[in-house]
Amino acid sequence: GIGLGLGIPASITLLVESTPTRYRDPLTGLLTLMFSLGEIFGALGCIIFMPTLTEVGQWTTLCTWATMPSYLMLPVSYMLLEESPRYLAVKCKTEQLKNVLEAMVRWSRSRRRVLPGLP
C-alpha cells in the first residue's frame, strides 16, 4: 500500500514531465491501465495459489508468480533502453553520449543540435 502510494504519483509525474505533449494522455491512460492489470494479475495469483489465504507452503509460489512479469520484460528492456546520458558523460564516452542524445532528439522530433561543442 505504501509503495503504491509513493510510486504511482511519482511514476505518473515522471511520465508527464518527460513525454511530448501529444503522447501524454494516451501514455498516462496506458500507465493507469497497467497498474490495474497488475492488481488483477496479483489477485489471480492469490485465487490460484492461495484461495483461502491459509496455505502455508504456497507463499513462495505466489512470490514467484508475482515476479514473472518483471522477468518477462527484462529482455525487452535490455534491448530497448539506452545507457543514461549522465553515466556516459561521467565516463567520458562522448561518441556513445552523442548517439544517445541524437536518438533522444529524433524521438522528440526536435530541431535542436546535440551538444554543439562535442566533436
Foldseek 3Di string as FASTA:
>chain_A
DVCCVVPVVVVLVVLQVLDPPVCNVVVSVVVVVVVVVLVVQLVVLCCVQPVPVPDDPRPVVSVVSSCVVVVVCVVVCVVPDQDDLVVCVVVVVLVSSLVVVVVSCVVNVHPDHDPPPGD
